[in-house]
């Protein structure tokens, strides 16, 4: 006898299978080139200053154009993802930043390059929102945190690849090749992802029950190795699909989830792009050659994939909430110690573990936690809003970092970073919820404002 189940219940009961691994690989590949395109800036900026193509002040404009594009891209992708589906949105944004990256390789001036970087930013900001949120709708709750950490590893292993690649490529072939590699890689992944399915949860949230059922049956058959014996809980019922509005993210108890997500995004972007992206420039300004600065940065950024692995280990054991709190406090301590390291070995050691903590926090909070906070009907807009706010704050971060570095040196920059970690720990500890091992629907129902139809 068949059993009535919702799409969410059917997806959550499945074991990990080739479908889940393939979906993770395809989304992760796009996220890798997204990360590569973001992190190549660290090596490229130092080389452009050396070559006279740019200055430290123009580099700040380049980074601000990146963050401005990512801010707009994150918000637009949330609207498109909830309205037209996850599949359309992630293919569109991948094509956008891939083509703009190829154009950037031929930019005649820093102004042209900054313009192309803005267009790249539109796609880069969208990919981050869509990638993590889409994955969360496919993976069962028992392994959702680990899957998000693996994708975070894919994204941020790009930091190591971009840094070592820059170390090997920029001094000999020039910085333009870094943009060309990003563009070609994005194009290859775009072709590979053409056959990725739409999210059944999104289809169900739009009242497209028959389509959601048909797609879920395909996934179940692959995962279970047999035709499922289930009946869609809503098949044959004319579903009432509420029109949802972004204003509902600021109503009732959903408000505290929005505040949590925004805080995490603002602080994580401040930390990542206020420190990681500036490391080679800081080293050059301290008197190192471009080659040496890139070498030091490459060693420290080996901590990025290690941090993702640490996040993987803690996601289902400690949990997303308290893991974020503990790691934020540890990162704060390392951030306060780092500026006082002068000898190479202590400098690289403390720097390495600081990078580990930064990316472990990112794996738990940005990758796994934030997408779980919002209902399916507004998930992309919720995640997009949080990401957009983080990018908006970071439009001014390059200028703040420059001012702090000029006035107080590296100590001033790291004091800002450490303060951000403490603030994040306090917010998540006091108003955050735990999502470990729970279905998205269960998390939605815990203390969530029921979404009411929007009239007009």
Protein backbone atom coordinates (compact mmCIF):
# COMPACT_ATOMS: atom_id res chain seq x y z
CA UNK A 1 0.00 0.00 0.00
CA UNK A 2 1.39 3.40 -0.95
CA UNK A 3 2.04 6.06 1.68
CA UNK A 4 1.25 9.75 1.35
CA UNK A 5 4.32 11.94 1.82
CA UNK A 6 5.35 15.48 0.94
CA UNK A 7 8.28 16.09 -1.37
CA UNK A 8 10.40 17.20 1.58
CA UNK A 9 9.67 14.01 3.52
CA UNK A 10 10.44 11.87 0.47
CA UNK A 11 13.78 13.59 -0.18
CA UNK A 12 14.79 13.52 3.48
CA UNK A 13 14.28 9.74 3.83
CA UNK A 14 16.68 8.91 0.98
CA UNK A 15 20.16 7.51 1.54
CA UNK A 16 23.14 9.27 0.01
CA UNK A 17 23.41 8.12 -3.58
CA UNK A 18 25.01 8.82 -6.94
CA UNK A 19 22.39 11.53 -7.47
CA UNK A 20 23.48 13.43 -4.36
CA UNK A 21 27.16 13.04 -5.19
CA UNK A 22 26.60 14.21 -8.78
CA UNK A 23 24.55 17.21 -7.65
CA UNK A 24 27.18 18.13 -5.09
CA UNK A 25 29.94 17.81 -7.69
CA UNK A 26 28.16 19.96 -10.30
CA UNK A 27 27.22 22.73 -7.87
CA UNK A 28 30.63 22.49 -6.21
CA UNK A 29 32.45 22.87 -9.54
CA UNK A 30 30.62 26.12 -10.22
CA UNK A 31 31.36 27.29 -6.69
CA UNK A 32 35.05 26.44 -7.18
CA UNK A 33 35.40 28.77 -10.15
CA UNK A 34 33.33 31.37 -8.30
CA UNK A 35 35.88 31.18 -5.49
CA UNK A 36 38.80 31.18 -7.93
CA UNK A 37 37.47 34.33 -9.59
CA UNK A 38 37.06 36.05 -6.21
CA UNK A 39 40.40 35.02 -4.73
CA UNK A 40 42.56 35.63 -7.79
CA UNK A 41 42.29 39.31 -6.84
CA UNK A 42 44.78 38.86 -3.99
CA UNK A 43 47.69 37.99 -6.31
CA UNK A 44 46.51 40.13 -9.22
CA UNK A 45 46.29 43.34 -7.16
CA UNK A 46 49.89 43.14 -5.95
CA UNK A 47 51.16 42.43 -9.48
CA UNK A 48 49.17 45.33 -10.95
CA UNK A 49 50.73 47.72 -8.42
CA UNK A 50 54.20 46.41 -9.29
CA UNK A 51 53.58 46.78 -13.04
CA UNK A 52 52.23 50.31 -12.71
CA UNK A 53 48.85 49.22 -14.10
CA UNK A 54 47.20 50.22 -10.82
CA UNK A 55 47.82 51.82 -7.42
CA UNK A 56 46.75 50.87 -3.89
CA UNK A 57 43.96 53.47 -4.15
CA UNK A 58 42.79 52.12 -7.53
CA UNK A 59 42.93 48.61 -6.08
CA UNK A 60 40.40 49.76 -3.49
CA UNK A 61 38.09 50.86 -6.33
CA UNK A 62 38.59 47.50 -8.05
CA UNK A 63 37.56 45.67 -4.86
CA UNK A 64 34.62 47.98 -4.25
CA UNK A 65 33.34 47.34 -7.78
CA UNK A 66 33.60 43.63 -7.00
CA UNK A 67 31.57 43.94 -3.81
CA UNK A 68 29.03 46.28 -5.41
CA UNK A 69 28.43 43.77 -8.21
CA UNK A 70 28.23 40.88 -5.74
CA UNK A 71 25.76 42.83 -3.62
CA UNK A 72 23.41 43.46 -6.55
CA UNK A 73 23.92 39.93 -7.90
CA UNK A 74 23.07 38.36 -4.55
CA UNK A 75 19.79 40.26 -4.30
CA UNK A 76 18.71 39.77 -7.92
CA UNK A 77 19.53 36.06 -7.75
CA UNK A 78 17.28 35.72 -4.71
CA UNK A 79 14.36 37.22 -6.61
CA UNK A 80 15.02 35.19 -9.77
CA UNK A 81 15.65 31.99 -7.81
CA UNK A 82 12.33 32.18 -5.94
CA UNK A 83 10.37 33.32 -8.98
CA UNK A 84 11.83 31.39 -11.92
CA UNK A 85 13.55 28.50 -10.19
CA UNK A 86 16.99 27.50 -8.98
CA UNK A 87 18.13 25.93 -12.27
CA UNK A 88 17.56 28.99 -14.49
CA UNK A 89 19.26 31.31 -12.01
CA UNK A 90 22.46 29.37 -11.42
CA UNK A 91 23.05 28.83 -15.15
CA UNK A 92 22.45 32.50 -15.93
CA UNK A 93 24.87 33.78 -13.31
CA UNK A 94 27.59 31.27 -14.19
CA UNK A 95 27.52 32.42 -17.83
CA UNK A 96 27.63 36.05 -16.70
CA UNK A 97 30.78 35.87 -14.61
CA UNK A 98 32.48 33.49 -17.05
CA UNK A 99 32.08 35.85 -20.02
CA UNK A 100 33.05 38.92 -17.97
CA UNK A 101 36.20 37.12 -16.77
CA UNK A 102 37.29 36.49 -20.35
CA UNK A 103 36.69 40.16 -21.17
CA UNK A 104 38.74 41.21 -18.12
CA UNK A 105 41.77 39.37 -19.47
CA UNK A 106 41.92 41.95 -22.28
CA UNK A 107 41.10 45.09 -20.23
CA UNK A 108 43.16 48.09 -21.50
CA UNK A 109 43.11 50.02 -18.21
CA UNK A 110 42.25 49.69 -14.53
CA UNK A 111 38.98 51.56 -15.15
CA UNK A 112 37.92 49.06 -17.81
CA UNK A 113 39.03 46.21 -15.57
CA UNK A 114 37.00 47.59 -12.66
CA UNK A 115 33.95 47.79 -14.94
CA UNK A 116 34.36 44.18 -16.04
CA UNK A 117 34.90 43.26 -12.40
CA UNK A 118 31.53 44.78 -11.52
CA UNK A 119 29.86 42.52 -14.11
CA UNK A 120 31.81 39.55 -12.78
CA UNK A 121 30.59 40.49 -9.32
CA UNK A 122 26.96 40.19 -10.41
CA UNK A 123 27.52 36.52 -11.24
CA UNK A 124 29.86 35.84 -8.33
CA UNK A 125 27.37 37.14 -5.76
CA UNK A 126 24.56 35.14 -7.30
CA UNK A 127 26.52 31.86 -7.38
CA UNK A 128 27.19 31.94 -3.65
CA UNK A 129 23.52 32.48 -2.81
CA UNK A 130 22.19 29.88 -5.23
CA UNK A 131 24.81 27.21 -4.65
CA UNK A 132 24.45 26.75 -0.90
CA UNK A 133 20.68 27.26 -0.84
CA UNK A 134 20.02 24.86 -3.74
CA UNK A 135 22.15 22.12 -2.23
CA UNK A 136 20.28 22.36 1.08
CA UNK A 137 17.01 21.51 -0.71
CA UNK A 138 18.32 18.20 -2.08
CA UNK A 139 20.36 16.71 0.78
CA UNK A 140 18.80 14.76 3.72
CA UNK A 141 19.10 16.40 7.17
CA UNK A 142 21.45 13.75 8.57
CA UNK A 143 24.20 14.81 6.14
CA UNK A 144 23.14 18.32 5.08
CA UNK A 145 25.77 20.06 7.21
CA UNK A 146 28.53 17.79 5.97
CA UNK A 147 27.46 18.28 2.34
CA UNK A 148 27.53 22.05 2.81
CA UNK A 149 31.01 21.79 4.34
CA UNK A 150 32.22 19.74 1.37
CA UNK A 151 30.91 22.41 -0.98
CA UNK A 152 32.59 25.05 1.16
CA UNK A 153 35.78 23.03 0.71
CA UNK A 154 35.26 23.11 -3.08
CA UNK A 155 34.67 26.85 -2.99
CA UNK A 156 37.57 27.74 -0.78
CA UNK A 157 40.11 25.25 -2.06
CA UNK A 158 39.99 27.79 -4.89
CA UNK A 159 41.78 30.18 -2.54
CA UNK A 160 44.75 27.82 -2.35
CA UNK A 161 44.64 27.06 -6.09
CA UNK A 162 44.34 30.75 -7.04
CA UNK A 163 47.16 31.70 -4.68
CA UNK A 164 49.56 28.97 -5.77
CA UNK A 165 48.48 29.47 -9.37
CA UNK A 166 49.21 33.17 -9.07
CA UNK A 167 52.59 32.38 -7.54
CA UNK A 168 53.46 30.16 -10.50
CA UNK A 169 51.72 32.07 -13.31
CA UNK A 170 51.78 35.81 -12.58
CA UNK A 171 55.58 36.34 -12.36
CA UNK A 172 56.12 34.57 -15.70
CA UNK A 173 52.98 34.93 -17.83
CA UNK A 174 51.33 37.97 -16.26
CA UNK A 175 48.16 38.57 -14.24
CA UNK A 176 45.77 38.56 -17.24
CA UNK A 177 46.04 34.78 -17.51
CA UNK A 178 44.31 34.40 -14.14
CA UNK A 179 41.11 35.96 -15.51
CA UNK A 180 41.32 33.83 -18.66
CA UNK A 181 41.55 30.61 -16.61
CA UNK A 182 38.49 31.61 -14.56
CA UNK A 183 36.45 32.37 -17.68
CA UNK A 184 37.29 29.15 -19.50
CA UNK A 185 36.65 27.05 -16.37
CA UNK A 186 33.24 28.66 -15.80
CA UNK A 187 32.28 27.92 -19.42
CA UNK A 188 33.14 24.24 -19.05
CA UNK A 189 31.08 23.92 -15.86
CA UNK A 190 28.15 25.73 -17.51
CA UNK A 191 28.04 23.02 -20.20
CA UNK A 192 28.28 20.26 -17.58
CA UNK A 193 25.39 21.69 -15.53
CA UNK A 194 22.89 22.04 -18.38
CA UNK A 195 21.10 18.83 -17.36
CA UNK A 196 20.89 19.49 -13.62
CA UNK A 197 17.29 19.15 -12.32
CA UNK A 198 15.12 21.81 -10.75
CA UNK A 199 14.54 21.67 -7.00
CA UNK A 200 11.43 19.53 -6.25
CA UNK A 201 10.88 21.52 -3.07
CA UNK A 202 10.68 24.74 -5.11
CA UNK A 203 8.27 23.13 -7.59
CA UNK A 204 6.03 22.01 -4.72
CA UNK A 205 6.15 25.47 -3.13
CA UNK A 206 4.85 26.88 -6.44
CA UNK A 207 1.95 24.42 -6.55
CA UNK A 208 3.48 22.43 -9.43
CA UNK A 209 2.79 19.18 -7.63
CA UNK A 210 2.77 16.82 -10.61
CA UNK A 211 6.18 18.09 -11.81
CA UNK A 212 7.58 17.88 -8.27
CA UNK A 213 6.30 14.31 -7.94
CA UNK A 214 7.70 13.20 -11.30
CA UNK A 215 11.14 14.63 -10.58
CA UNK A 216 11.20 13.26 -7.04
CA UNK A 217 10.33 9.78 -8.39
CA UNK A 218 13.36 9.93 -10.69
CA UNK A 219 15.59 10.88 -7.74
CA UNK A 220 14.04 8.17 -5.52
CA UNK A 221 14.47 5.49 -8.16
CA UNK A 222 18.17 6.31 -8.51
CA UNK A 223 18.75 6.56 -4.76
CA UNK A 224 16.68 3.49 -3.73
CA UNK A 225 17.31 1.36 -6.79
CA UNK A 226 13.56 0.78 -7.22
CA UNK A 227 10.31 2.56 -8.02
CA UNK A 228 9.05 4.28 -4.83
CA UNK A 229 5.72 3.20 -3.34
CA UNK A 230 4.43 6.65 -2.34
CA UNK A 231 1.61 9.02 -3.17
CA UNK A 232 2.20 12.78 -3.12
CA UNK A 233 0.46 14.22 -0.07
CA UNK A 234 -1.04 17.04 -2.14
CA UNK A 235 -1.69 15.35 -5.49
CA UNK A 236 -5.22 15.97 -6.69
CA UNK A 237 -5.65 18.89 -4.33
CA UNK A 238 -5.80 22.36 -5.80
CA UNK A 239 -2.98 23.92 -3.78
CA UNK A 240 -3.29 27.42 -2.41
CA UNK A 241 0.07 29.00 -3.15
CA UNK A 242 0.56 32.17 -1.12
CA UNK A 243 2.19 35.15 -2.74
CA UNK A 244 5.11 35.93 -0.49
CA UNK A 245 6.86 39.22 0.07
CA UNK A 246 10.34 40.07 1.24
CA UNK A 247 8.76 42.23 3.98
CA UNK A 248 7.79 39.00 5.74
CA UNK A 249 11.48 38.44 6.47
CA UNK A 250 11.16 41.31 8.94
CA UNK A 251 7.98 40.18 10.67
CA UNK A 252 7.32 38.07 13.74
CA UNK A 253 9.91 35.61 14.88
CA UNK A 254 11.30 35.28 11.38
CA UNK A 255 12.96 38.61 12.14
CA UNK A 256 15.53 37.07 14.47
CA UNK A 257 16.57 34.61 11.77
CA UNK A 258 16.99 37.45 9.32
CA UNK A 259 19.10 39.39 11.84
CA UNK A 260 21.22 36.28 12.48
CA UNK A 261 21.78 35.67 8.76
CA UNK A 262 22.60 39.30 8.01
CA UNK A 263 25.06 39.51 10.91
CA UNK A 264 26.85 36.34 9.82
CA UNK A 265 27.19 37.56 6.24
CA UNK A 266 28.39 41.06 7.14
CA UNK A 267 30.98 39.79 9.60
CA UNK A 268 32.22 36.86 7.49
CA UNK A 269 32.66 39.06 4.43
CA UNK A 270 34.44 41.68 6.51
CA UNK A 271 36.84 39.05 7.82
CA UNK A 272 37.46 37.24 4.55
CA UNK A 273 37.80 40.25 2.28
CA UNK A 274 39.26 42.60 4.88
CA UNK A 275 42.17 40.26 5.61
CA UNK A 276 42.54 37.36 3.16
CA UNK A 277 42.23 39.48 0.03
CA UNK A 278 44.75 42.03 1.28
CA UNK A 279 47.52 39.68 2.50
CA UNK A 280 49.82 39.94 -0.57
CA UNK A 281 49.44 43.72 -0.63
CA UNK A 282 50.28 43.94 3.08
CA UNK A 283 53.39 41.82 2.55
CA UNK A 284 54.49 43.94 -0.42
CA UNK A 285 54.02 47.14 1.59
CA UNK A 286 56.15 45.61 4.37
CA UNK A 287 59.04 45.34 1.90
CA UNK A 288 58.69 41.86 0.39
CA UNK A 289 58.95 41.16 -3.32
CA UNK A 290 55.79 40.16 -5.16
CA UNK A 291 57.09 36.59 -5.48
CA UNK A 292 57.86 36.33 -1.74
CA UNK A 293 54.54 37.87 -0.74
CA UNK A 294 52.65 35.41 -2.91
CA UNK A 295 54.69 32.55 -1.44
CA UNK A 296 53.88 33.58 2.15
CA UNK A 297 50.22 34.00 1.26
CA UNK A 298 50.15 30.60 -0.47
CA UNK A 299 51.46 28.86 2.65
CA UNK A 300 48.95 30.57 4.92
CA UNK A 301 46.03 29.86 2.61
CA UNK A 302 46.67 26.14 2.88
CA UNK A 303 44.53 26.65 5.97
CA UNK A 304 41.42 27.27 3.83
CA UNK A 305 40.71 23.64 2.88
CA UNK A 306 41.79 22.53 6.36
CA UNK A 307 39.20 24.91 7.80
CA UNK A 308 36.50 23.43 5.60
CA UNK A 309 37.44 19.93 6.82
CA UNK A 310 37.22 21.14 10.42
CA UNK A 311 33.78 22.57 9.64
CA UNK A 312 32.81 19.20 8.16
CA UNK A 313 33.86 17.43 11.36
CA UNK A 314 31.94 19.82 13.61
CA UNK A 315 28.78 20.35 11.53
CA UNK A 316 26.91 17.23 12.71
CA UNK A 317 28.72 16.70 16.03
CA UNK A 318 28.91 20.11 17.69
CA UNK A 319 26.28 21.63 15.39
CA UNK A 320 26.12 24.77 13.30
CA UNK A 321 25.15 27.20 16.09
CA UNK A 322 27.61 26.32 18.83
CA UNK A 323 30.34 25.38 16.38
CA UNK A 324 30.16 28.90 14.97
CA UNK A 325 30.37 30.38 18.47
CA UNK A 326 33.37 28.30 19.58
CA UNK A 327 35.36 28.82 16.39
CA UNK A 328 34.66 32.57 16.35
CA UNK A 329 36.14 32.93 19.83
CA UNK A 330 39.22 30.90 18.84
CA UNK A 331 39.68 33.00 15.69
CA UNK A 332 39.42 36.21 17.73
CA UNK A 333 42.29 35.08 19.97
CA UNK A 334 44.51 34.25 16.97
CA UNK A 335 43.65 37.56 15.33
CA UNK A 336 44.86 39.46 18.38
CA UNK A 337 48.15 37.52 18.47
CA UNK A 338 48.97 37.59 14.73
CA UNK A 339 50.15 41.25 14.38
CA UNK A 340 52.81 40.67 17.05
CA UNK A 341 54.52 37.87 15.12
CA UNK A 342 57.69 39.11 13.41
CA UNK A 343 59.79 36.02 12.69
CA UNK A 344 58.78 34.01 9.60
CA UNK A 345 57.97 30.70 11.30
CA UNK A 346 55.66 32.07 14.05
CA UNK A 347 54.11 34.48 11.53
CA UNK A 348 53.27 31.69 9.10
CA UNK A 349 52.13 29.31 11.86
CA UNK A 350 49.72 31.72 13.52
CA UNK A 351 48.59 33.00 10.12
CA UNK A 352 47.90 29.46 8.95
CA UNK A 353 45.70 28.64 11.97
CA UNK A 354 43.93 32.00 11.70
CA UNK A 355 42.98 31.12 8.12
CA UNK A 356 41.84 27.67 9.33
CA UNK A 357 39.48 29.27 11.85
CA UNK A 358 38.17 31.83 9.33
CA UNK A 359 37.18 29.15 6.86
CA UNK A 360 35.88 26.71 9.46
CA UNK A 361 33.48 29.42 10.64
CA UNK A 362 32.47 30.03 7.04
CA UNK A 363 31.77 26.34 6.44
CA UNK A 364 29.44 26.16 9.43
CA UNK A 365 27.70 29.51 9.14
CA UNK A 366 27.61 30.77 5.53
CA UNK A 367 27.55 27.39 3.81
CA UNK A 368 25.36 25.30 6.13
CA UNK A 369 23.53 27.50 8.63
CA UNK A 370 22.12 30.54 6.83
CA UNK A 371 20.30 28.63 4.01
CA UNK A 372 18.56 26.50 6.66
CA UNK A 373 17.01 29.49 8.39
CA UNK A 374 14.38 30.38 5.76
CA UNK A 375 11.26 28.65 4.34
CA UNK A 376 11.46 27.25 0.80
CA UNK A 377 9.09 29.88 -0.62
CA UNK A 378 11.43 32.70 0.42
CA UNK A 379 14.71 30.83 0.88
CA UNK A 380 16.52 32.46 -2.03
CA UNK A 381 15.30 35.92 -1.09
CA UNK A 382 16.22 35.35 2.55
CA UNK A 383 19.71 34.12 1.72
CA UNK A 384 19.98 36.78 -1.00
CA UNK A 385 19.02 39.54 1.43
CA UNK A 386 21.62 38.38 3.96
CA UNK A 387 24.31 38.12 1.30
CA UNK A 388 23.32 41.46 -0.24
CA UNK A 389 23.63 43.22 3.11
CA UNK A 390 27.05 41.66 3.63
CA UNK A 391 28.19 42.86 0.22
CA UNK A 392 26.75 46.33 0.82
CA UNK A 393 28.78 46.66 4.00
CA UNK A 394 31.87 45.49 2.15
CA UNK A 395 31.64 48.15 -0.56
CA UNK A 396 33.27 50.45 1.97
CA UNK A 397 35.51 47.85 3.61
CA UNK A 398 38.51 48.33 1.22
CA UNK A 399 38.61 52.03 2.13
CA UNK A 400 38.29 51.25 5.85
CA UNK A 401 41.08 48.66 5.64
CA UNK A 402 43.29 51.13 3.75
CA UNK A 403 42.67 53.85 6.35
CA UNK A 404 43.32 51.51 9.29
CA UNK A 405 46.49 50.15 7.71
CA UNK A 406 47.87 53.61 6.94
CA UNK A 407 47.10 54.89 10.46
CA UNK A 408 47.69 51.83 12.67
CA UNK A 409 49.35 49.21 10.50
CA UNK A 410 48.39 45.56 10.55
CA UNK A 411 47.45 45.80 14.24
CA UNK A 412 44.54 48.11 13.41
CA UNK A 413 43.25 45.80 10.67
CA UNK A 414 43.41 42.71 12.89
CA UNK A 415 41.72 44.52 15.78
CA UNK A 416 38.75 45.13 13.46
CA UNK A 417 38.75 41.47 12.40
CA UNK A 418 38.89 40.19 16.00
CA UNK A 419 36.07 42.49 17.08
CA UNK A 420 33.94 41.10 14.26
CA UNK A 421 34.50 37.53 15.48
CA UNK A 422 33.41 38.39 19.03
CA UNK A 423 30.28 40.18 17.80
CA UNK A 424 29.37 37.18 15.65
CA UNK A 425 29.77 34.78 18.58
CA UNK A 426 27.49 36.92 20.76
CA UNK A 427 24.73 37.24 18.16
CA UNK A 428 24.63 33.56 17.22
CA UNK A 429 24.79 32.44 20.85
CA UNK A 430 21.93 34.68 21.96
CA UNK A 431 19.39 34.60 19.11
CA UNK A 432 20.53 31.79 16.83
CA UNK A 433 18.71 28.43 16.60
CA UNK A 434 20.19 24.96 16.15
CA UNK A 435 19.42 23.21 12.86
CA UNK A 436 21.56 20.08 13.15
CA UNK A 437 19.82 16.85 12.12
CA UNK A 438 16.44 18.49 11.43
CA UNK A 439 14.46 18.64 8.19
CA UNK A 440 14.05 22.03 6.54
CA UNK A 441 10.31 21.80 7.15
CA UNK A 442 10.84 21.06 10.85
CA UNK A 443 13.20 24.04 11.17
CA UNK A 444 10.64 26.22 9.37
CA UNK A 445 7.86 25.19 11.75
CA UNK A 446 9.76 25.58 15.03
CA UNK A 447 9.01 29.24 15.71
CA UNK A 448 8.34 30.52 12.23
CA UNK A 449 5.82 33.15 11.27
CA UNK A 450 3.28 31.42 9.04
CA UNK A 451 3.52 33.03 5.62
CA UNK A 452 0.22 34.67 4.81
CA UNK A 453 -0.95 35.49 1.29
CA UNK A 454 -0.01 38.99 0.21
CA UNK A 455 -2.93 40.90 -1.20
CA UNK A 456 -2.79 43.46 -3.94
